[in-house]
N, C-alpha and C. Protein backbone atom coordinates (compact mmCIF):
# COMPACT_ATOMS: atom_id res chain seq x y z
N MET A 1 97.95 48.94 38.40
CA MET A 1 98.58 47.86 39.13
C MET A 1 98.41 46.57 38.34
N SER A 2 99.49 46.01 37.91
CA SER A 2 99.46 44.75 37.17
C SER A 2 99.82 43.62 38.12
N SER A 3 99.19 42.48 37.96
CA SER A 3 99.46 41.31 38.80
C SER A 3 99.77 40.12 37.92
N SER A 4 100.44 39.15 38.52
CA SER A 4 100.71 37.92 37.79
C SER A 4 100.66 36.76 38.77
N LEU A 5 100.42 35.60 38.21
CA LEU A 5 100.46 34.39 39.02
C LEU A 5 101.03 33.27 38.18
N VAL A 6 101.69 32.36 38.86
CA VAL A 6 102.23 31.15 38.23
C VAL A 6 101.91 30.00 39.17
N GLU A 7 101.25 28.99 38.66
CA GLU A 7 100.91 27.80 39.44
C GLU A 7 101.23 26.57 38.60
N THR A 8 101.66 25.50 39.25
CA THR A 8 101.93 24.24 38.55
C THR A 8 101.28 23.08 39.30
N VAL A 9 101.04 22.01 38.58
CA VAL A 9 100.52 20.78 39.19
C VAL A 9 101.12 19.58 38.45
N ASP A 10 101.53 18.59 39.21
CA ASP A 10 101.99 17.33 38.62
C ASP A 10 100.82 16.37 38.58
N ILE A 11 100.65 15.71 37.44
CA ILE A 11 99.47 14.89 37.18
C ILE A 11 99.90 13.49 36.75
N LYS A 12 99.23 12.49 37.30
CA LYS A 12 99.49 11.10 36.90
C LYS A 12 98.72 10.80 35.63
N ALA A 13 99.11 11.48 34.58
CA ALA A 13 98.54 11.30 33.24
C ALA A 13 99.57 11.80 32.24
N PRO A 14 99.70 11.12 31.10
CA PRO A 14 100.68 11.57 30.10
C PRO A 14 100.28 12.91 29.48
N VAL A 15 101.25 13.57 28.90
CA VAL A 15 101.01 14.86 28.26
C VAL A 15 99.89 14.78 27.23
N ALA A 16 99.81 13.69 26.49
CA ALA A 16 98.76 13.56 25.47
C ALA A 16 97.37 13.72 26.10
N VAL A 17 97.17 13.19 27.29
CA VAL A 17 95.87 13.29 27.97
C VAL A 17 95.64 14.70 28.50
N THR A 18 96.64 15.27 29.19
CA THR A 18 96.44 16.61 29.74
C THR A 18 96.25 17.63 28.62
N TRP A 19 97.00 17.49 27.56
CA TRP A 19 96.83 18.38 26.40
C TRP A 19 95.43 18.26 25.81
N ALA A 20 94.99 17.03 25.57
CA ALA A 20 93.69 16.81 24.94
C ALA A 20 92.56 17.42 25.78
N LEU A 21 92.64 17.27 27.09
CA LEU A 21 91.59 17.82 27.96
C LEU A 21 91.61 19.34 27.95
N TRP A 22 92.80 19.94 28.13
CA TRP A 22 92.87 21.40 28.22
C TRP A 22 92.56 22.05 26.88
N SER A 23 92.93 21.42 25.80
CA SER A 23 92.72 22.04 24.48
C SER A 23 91.27 21.90 24.00
N ASP A 24 90.43 21.18 24.76
CA ASP A 24 89.02 21.00 24.42
C ASP A 24 88.19 22.01 25.22
N VAL A 25 87.72 23.05 24.55
CA VAL A 25 87.00 24.14 25.20
C VAL A 25 85.79 23.65 25.99
N THR A 26 85.19 22.57 25.58
CA THR A 26 83.99 22.07 26.28
C THR A 26 84.32 21.55 27.67
N GLN A 27 85.59 21.26 27.93
CA GLN A 27 86.00 20.75 29.24
C GLN A 27 86.26 21.86 30.27
N TRP A 28 86.50 23.09 29.81
CA TRP A 28 86.94 24.16 30.71
C TRP A 28 86.03 24.40 31.90
N PRO A 29 84.71 24.47 31.73
CA PRO A 29 83.86 24.70 32.91
C PRO A 29 83.92 23.55 33.93
N LYS A 30 84.41 22.39 33.54
CA LYS A 30 84.52 21.27 34.47
C LYS A 30 85.64 21.45 35.47
N PHE A 31 86.68 22.23 35.12
CA PHE A 31 87.79 22.39 36.05
C PHE A 31 88.14 23.83 36.37
N LEU A 32 87.58 24.79 35.65
CA LEU A 32 87.78 26.20 35.97
C LEU A 32 86.55 26.66 36.75
N SER A 33 86.67 26.74 38.06
CA SER A 33 85.53 26.92 38.94
C SER A 33 84.74 28.21 38.69
N HIS A 34 85.37 29.24 38.21
CA HIS A 34 84.71 30.53 37.99
C HIS A 34 84.13 30.67 36.58
N VAL A 35 84.33 29.67 35.72
CA VAL A 35 83.86 29.76 34.33
C VAL A 35 82.45 29.17 34.23
N ARG A 36 81.51 30.01 33.83
CA ARG A 36 80.15 29.52 33.61
C ARG A 36 80.02 28.90 32.24
N ARG A 37 80.59 29.56 31.22
CA ARG A 37 80.56 28.99 29.88
C ARG A 37 81.62 29.65 29.01
N VAL A 38 82.04 28.89 27.99
CA VAL A 38 82.99 29.36 26.99
C VAL A 38 82.41 28.97 25.64
N ASP A 39 82.23 29.95 24.78
CA ASP A 39 81.67 29.69 23.45
C ASP A 39 82.68 30.05 22.37
N PRO A 40 83.05 29.08 21.52
CA PRO A 40 83.94 29.41 20.41
C PRO A 40 83.24 30.37 19.44
N MET A 41 83.98 31.41 19.03
CA MET A 41 83.47 32.36 18.03
C MET A 41 84.01 31.98 16.66
N ASP A 42 85.24 31.50 16.63
CA ASP A 42 85.89 30.97 15.44
C ASP A 42 87.05 30.12 15.94
N GLU A 43 88.00 29.77 15.09
CA GLU A 43 89.08 28.88 15.49
C GLU A 43 90.02 29.48 16.52
N ARG A 44 90.09 30.81 16.61
CA ARG A 44 91.05 31.45 17.51
C ARG A 44 90.43 32.29 18.62
N ARG A 45 89.13 32.59 18.53
CA ARG A 45 88.51 33.48 19.52
C ARG A 45 87.39 32.78 20.28
N PHE A 46 87.32 33.09 21.58
CA PHE A 46 86.34 32.48 22.46
C PHE A 46 85.69 33.55 23.33
N SER A 47 84.39 33.43 23.51
CA SER A 47 83.64 34.31 24.40
C SER A 47 83.51 33.60 25.75
N TRP A 48 83.94 34.28 26.82
CA TRP A 48 83.92 33.71 28.17
C TRP A 48 82.88 34.41 29.02
N GLN A 49 82.22 33.65 29.89
CA GLN A 49 81.35 34.20 30.92
C GLN A 49 81.83 33.63 32.25
N LEU A 50 82.22 34.54 33.15
CA LEU A 50 82.74 34.14 34.45
C LEU A 50 81.79 34.55 35.56
N SER A 51 81.78 33.80 36.61
CA SER A 51 81.06 34.15 37.82
C SER A 51 82.08 34.18 38.95
N LEU A 52 82.47 35.38 39.35
CA LEU A 52 83.49 35.57 40.38
C LEU A 52 82.85 36.15 41.64
N PRO A 53 83.47 35.97 42.80
CA PRO A 53 82.93 36.57 44.01
C PRO A 53 82.78 38.09 43.85
N GLY A 54 81.56 38.55 43.96
CA GLY A 54 81.30 39.99 43.87
C GLY A 54 81.12 40.53 42.47
N ALA A 55 81.30 39.71 41.43
CA ALA A 55 81.18 40.26 40.08
C ALA A 55 81.07 39.15 39.05
N ASP A 56 80.22 39.36 38.06
CA ASP A 56 80.20 38.51 36.88
C ASP A 56 80.96 39.25 35.79
N LYS A 57 81.73 38.54 35.02
CA LYS A 57 82.55 39.15 33.98
C LYS A 57 82.33 38.42 32.66
N ALA A 58 82.48 39.16 31.58
CA ALA A 58 82.46 38.58 30.23
C ALA A 58 83.61 39.18 29.46
N PHE A 59 84.24 38.37 28.63
CA PHE A 59 85.33 38.87 27.80
C PHE A 59 85.52 37.97 26.60
N VAL A 60 86.28 38.46 25.64
CA VAL A 60 86.65 37.68 24.48
C VAL A 60 88.16 37.49 24.52
N ALA A 61 88.60 36.25 24.40
CA ALA A 61 90.02 35.94 24.38
C ALA A 61 90.39 35.35 23.03
N GLU A 62 91.62 35.61 22.64
CA GLU A 62 92.13 35.11 21.36
C GLU A 62 93.37 34.27 21.62
N LEU A 63 93.43 33.10 20.99
CA LEU A 63 94.63 32.29 21.07
C LEU A 63 95.75 32.98 20.31
N THR A 64 96.90 33.13 20.94
CA THR A 64 98.04 33.77 20.30
C THR A 64 99.11 32.77 19.88
N GLU A 65 99.07 31.58 20.51
CA GLU A 65 100.03 30.53 20.16
C GLU A 65 99.46 29.19 20.59
N VAL A 66 99.50 28.23 19.71
CA VAL A 66 99.10 26.86 20.04
C VAL A 66 100.17 25.93 19.47
N VAL A 67 100.87 25.25 20.36
CA VAL A 67 101.87 24.26 19.96
C VAL A 67 101.39 22.94 20.57
N PRO A 68 100.87 22.03 19.75
CA PRO A 68 100.29 20.79 20.27
C PRO A 68 101.20 20.07 21.27
N GLN A 69 100.58 19.65 22.37
CA GLN A 69 101.21 18.94 23.47
C GLN A 69 102.37 19.71 24.10
N ASP A 70 102.38 21.05 23.93
CA ASP A 70 103.44 21.87 24.50
C ASP A 70 102.89 23.12 25.20
N ARG A 71 102.10 23.95 24.47
CA ARG A 71 101.65 25.22 25.06
C ARG A 71 100.44 25.80 24.36
N ILE A 72 99.66 26.53 25.14
CA ILE A 72 98.54 27.31 24.62
C ILE A 72 98.65 28.69 25.26
N ALA A 73 98.73 29.71 24.44
CA ALA A 73 98.82 31.08 24.94
C ALA A 73 97.64 31.89 24.42
N TRP A 74 97.21 32.88 25.21
CA TRP A 74 96.06 33.69 24.83
C TRP A 74 96.20 35.10 25.39
N LYS A 75 95.39 35.98 24.88
CA LYS A 75 95.24 37.33 25.43
C LYS A 75 93.79 37.74 25.20
N THR A 76 93.31 38.64 26.04
CA THR A 76 91.95 39.12 25.85
C THR A 76 91.97 40.24 24.81
N ILE A 77 90.86 40.33 24.07
CA ILE A 77 90.74 41.39 23.06
C ILE A 77 89.51 42.26 23.32
N GLU A 78 88.64 41.82 24.25
CA GLU A 78 87.48 42.60 24.68
C GLU A 78 87.21 42.27 26.13
N GLY A 79 86.78 43.28 26.90
CA GLY A 79 86.43 43.04 28.30
C GLY A 79 87.64 43.16 29.19
N VAL A 80 87.74 42.30 30.21
CA VAL A 80 88.84 42.36 31.16
C VAL A 80 90.17 42.19 30.43
N HIS A 81 91.24 42.70 31.05
CA HIS A 81 92.55 42.64 30.41
C HIS A 81 93.43 41.61 31.10
N HIS A 82 93.73 40.56 30.38
CA HIS A 82 94.71 39.59 30.87
C HIS A 82 95.28 38.79 29.71
N ALA A 83 96.37 38.12 30.00
CA ALA A 83 97.02 37.24 29.03
C ALA A 83 97.59 36.08 29.82
N GLY A 84 97.75 34.96 29.15
CA GLY A 84 98.28 33.82 29.86
C GLY A 84 98.82 32.75 28.95
N VAL A 85 99.41 31.76 29.58
CA VAL A 85 99.94 30.61 28.86
C VAL A 85 99.84 29.40 29.79
N VAL A 86 99.47 28.28 29.22
CA VAL A 86 99.52 27.02 29.94
C VAL A 86 100.48 26.12 29.17
N THR A 87 101.41 25.51 29.91
CA THR A 87 102.41 24.66 29.26
C THR A 87 102.32 23.24 29.83
N PHE A 88 102.69 22.29 28.99
CA PHE A 88 102.57 20.87 29.31
C PHE A 88 103.97 20.27 29.25
N HIS A 89 104.37 19.63 30.34
CA HIS A 89 105.74 19.10 30.45
C HIS A 89 105.69 17.61 30.75
N ARG A 90 106.40 16.83 29.95
CA ARG A 90 106.48 15.38 30.17
C ARG A 90 107.42 15.10 31.33
N LEU A 91 106.93 14.41 32.35
CA LEU A 91 107.79 13.99 33.45
C LEU A 91 108.29 12.57 33.19
N ASP A 92 107.39 11.71 32.71
CA ASP A 92 107.75 10.36 32.26
C ASP A 92 106.59 9.86 31.40
N ASP A 93 106.58 8.59 31.08
CA ASP A 93 105.55 8.06 30.18
C ASP A 93 104.13 8.19 30.73
N THR A 94 104.00 8.25 32.04
CA THR A 94 102.66 8.23 32.64
C THR A 94 102.33 9.47 33.47
N SER A 95 103.19 10.47 33.47
CA SER A 95 102.89 11.67 34.24
C SER A 95 103.41 12.93 33.55
N SER A 96 102.79 14.03 33.92
CA SER A 96 103.15 15.30 33.30
C SER A 96 102.98 16.43 34.33
N ARG A 97 103.54 17.57 33.99
CA ARG A 97 103.39 18.79 34.79
C ARG A 97 102.68 19.82 33.92
N VAL A 98 101.66 20.44 34.48
CA VAL A 98 100.96 21.52 33.80
C VAL A 98 101.26 22.80 34.56
N ALA A 99 101.71 23.81 33.84
CA ALA A 99 102.04 25.10 34.45
C ALA A 99 101.14 26.18 33.83
N LEU A 100 100.59 27.01 34.70
CA LEU A 100 99.70 28.09 34.29
C LEU A 100 100.30 29.41 34.71
N GLN A 101 100.42 30.34 33.77
CA GLN A 101 100.93 31.68 34.07
C GLN A 101 99.94 32.69 33.52
N ILE A 102 99.51 33.63 34.35
CA ILE A 102 98.55 34.66 33.94
C ILE A 102 99.05 36.02 34.38
N GLU A 103 98.97 36.98 33.48
CA GLU A 103 99.24 38.39 33.76
C GLU A 103 97.92 39.12 33.61
N TYR A 104 97.56 39.95 34.59
CA TYR A 104 96.26 40.61 34.53
C TYR A 104 96.28 41.95 35.24
N ASP A 105 95.28 42.76 34.94
CA ASP A 105 95.09 44.06 35.56
C ASP A 105 93.81 44.02 36.38
N PRO A 106 93.94 43.88 37.71
CA PRO A 106 92.73 43.85 38.53
C PRO A 106 92.06 45.22 38.58
N HIS A 107 90.75 45.23 38.39
CA HIS A 107 89.97 46.47 38.44
C HIS A 107 88.89 46.32 39.50
N GLY A 108 88.68 47.35 40.27
CA GLY A 108 87.65 47.32 41.29
C GLY A 108 88.19 46.74 42.59
N PHE A 109 87.46 46.99 43.67
CA PHE A 109 87.89 46.60 45.00
C PHE A 109 88.08 45.10 45.13
N VAL A 110 87.10 44.32 44.70
CA VAL A 110 87.16 42.87 44.89
C VAL A 110 88.34 42.26 44.16
N GLU A 111 88.58 42.67 42.91
CA GLU A 111 89.71 42.12 42.15
C GLU A 111 91.04 42.54 42.75
N ARG A 112 91.14 43.80 43.20
CA ARG A 112 92.39 44.24 43.83
C ARG A 112 92.64 43.50 45.13
N LEU A 113 91.58 43.29 45.91
CA LEU A 113 91.71 42.55 47.16
C LEU A 113 92.16 41.12 46.87
N GLY A 114 91.60 40.50 45.84
CA GLY A 114 92.02 39.15 45.46
C GLY A 114 93.48 39.09 45.10
N ALA A 115 93.97 40.09 44.39
CA ALA A 115 95.39 40.13 44.00
C ALA A 115 96.27 40.35 45.23
N LEU A 116 95.86 41.25 46.11
CA LEU A 116 96.67 41.57 47.29
C LEU A 116 96.73 40.41 48.29
N THR A 117 95.67 39.65 48.42
CA THR A 117 95.61 38.59 49.41
C THR A 117 95.99 37.22 48.85
N ASN A 118 96.39 37.18 47.61
CA ASN A 118 96.74 35.93 46.92
C ASN A 118 95.55 35.00 46.75
N LEU A 119 94.33 35.53 46.85
CA LEU A 119 93.15 34.73 46.59
C LEU A 119 93.15 34.24 45.14
N ASP A 120 93.63 35.09 44.23
CA ASP A 120 93.70 34.70 42.82
C ASP A 120 94.59 33.47 42.64
N SER A 121 95.72 33.46 43.35
CA SER A 121 96.63 32.33 43.28
C SER A 121 95.99 31.08 43.87
N ALA A 122 95.27 31.23 44.97
CA ALA A 122 94.59 30.09 45.59
C ALA A 122 93.53 29.53 44.66
N LEU A 123 92.79 30.40 43.96
CA LEU A 123 91.77 29.96 43.02
C LEU A 123 92.41 29.20 41.85
N ALA A 124 93.51 29.73 41.32
CA ALA A 124 94.21 29.05 40.22
C ALA A 124 94.72 27.69 40.69
N ASN A 125 95.25 27.63 41.90
CA ASN A 125 95.75 26.38 42.45
C ASN A 125 94.61 25.38 42.61
N TYR A 126 93.45 25.84 43.09
CA TYR A 126 92.28 24.98 43.22
C TYR A 126 91.86 24.44 41.85
N ASP A 127 91.79 25.33 40.85
CA ASP A 127 91.38 24.92 39.51
C ASP A 127 92.35 23.90 38.92
N LEU A 128 93.63 24.08 39.15
CA LEU A 128 94.60 23.09 38.65
C LEU A 128 94.40 21.75 39.37
N GLY A 129 94.02 21.80 40.64
CA GLY A 129 93.71 20.57 41.36
C GLY A 129 92.50 19.86 40.76
N GLU A 130 91.49 20.64 40.36
CA GLU A 130 90.31 20.07 39.71
C GLU A 130 90.69 19.48 38.35
N PHE A 131 91.58 20.16 37.62
CA PHE A 131 92.06 19.64 36.35
C PHE A 131 92.82 18.33 36.57
N GLN A 132 93.63 18.28 37.61
CA GLN A 132 94.37 17.06 37.94
C GLN A 132 93.41 15.90 38.17
N LYS A 133 92.35 16.13 38.94
CA LYS A 133 91.36 15.08 39.20
C LYS A 133 90.72 14.60 37.90
N LEU A 134 90.34 15.54 37.03
CA LEU A 134 89.71 15.20 35.76
C LEU A 134 90.66 14.38 34.89
N ALA A 135 91.92 14.80 34.77
CA ALA A 135 92.90 14.09 33.94
C ALA A 135 93.17 12.70 34.49
N GLU A 136 93.33 12.59 35.80
CA GLU A 136 93.62 11.28 36.38
C GLU A 136 92.41 10.35 36.29
N ALA A 137 91.20 10.90 36.39
CA ALA A 137 89.99 10.08 36.20
C ALA A 137 89.89 9.61 34.76
N THR A 138 90.32 10.45 33.82
CA THR A 138 90.30 10.07 32.41
C THR A 138 91.23 8.88 32.15
N VAL A 139 92.42 8.94 32.73
CA VAL A 139 93.39 7.85 32.58
C VAL A 139 92.85 6.57 33.21
N ALA A 140 92.14 6.72 34.33
CA ALA A 140 91.59 5.55 35.03
C ALA A 140 90.34 5.01 34.35
N GLY A 141 89.84 5.74 33.34
CA GLY A 141 88.65 5.31 32.63
C GLY A 141 87.35 5.82 33.24
N ASP A 142 87.46 6.76 34.21
CA ASP A 142 86.29 7.29 34.88
C ASP A 142 85.87 8.67 34.37
N GLY A 143 86.64 9.25 33.46
CA GLY A 143 86.35 10.60 32.99
C GLY A 143 86.13 10.62 31.50
N PRO A 144 86.11 11.84 30.93
CA PRO A 144 85.91 11.96 29.47
C PRO A 144 87.09 11.36 28.72
N ARG A 145 86.82 10.90 27.56
CA ARG A 145 87.89 10.32 26.74
C ARG A 145 88.72 11.42 26.11
N ALA A 146 90.04 11.29 26.21
CA ALA A 146 90.96 12.22 25.55
C ALA A 146 91.18 11.69 24.14
N THR A 147 91.06 12.58 23.16
CA THR A 147 91.24 12.15 21.78
C THR A 147 92.44 12.82 21.17
């Protein structure tokens, strides 16, 4: 059983800011609620440690496409099986839309239940909301600096 989700959020921050935050691996645990840590292995591969309801997971993901201020795509190469892309869309000079799309294979009761009940979608939506807060705080001067 394969599942997919697509979530978007409009952010009062320019694409340059949303891109800079998302493309910085050190920021991910700040807005991805289930991510305990992400460690770069090299320029394209990252080791992830997740803490999910009912299960801790670890996997290695590889970047498959990086287009600055446009998109970041990845797929897993070890551990859980999923692939995804996050895209950055300019709405105007001061706002942008971030879209997240993930394809995955839920394994085990808890993951299948999450897929069936749309809990996975709710979690992704929550995480995008946390990302929105971080990006808007950055623009307001209350968050990390985007470089």
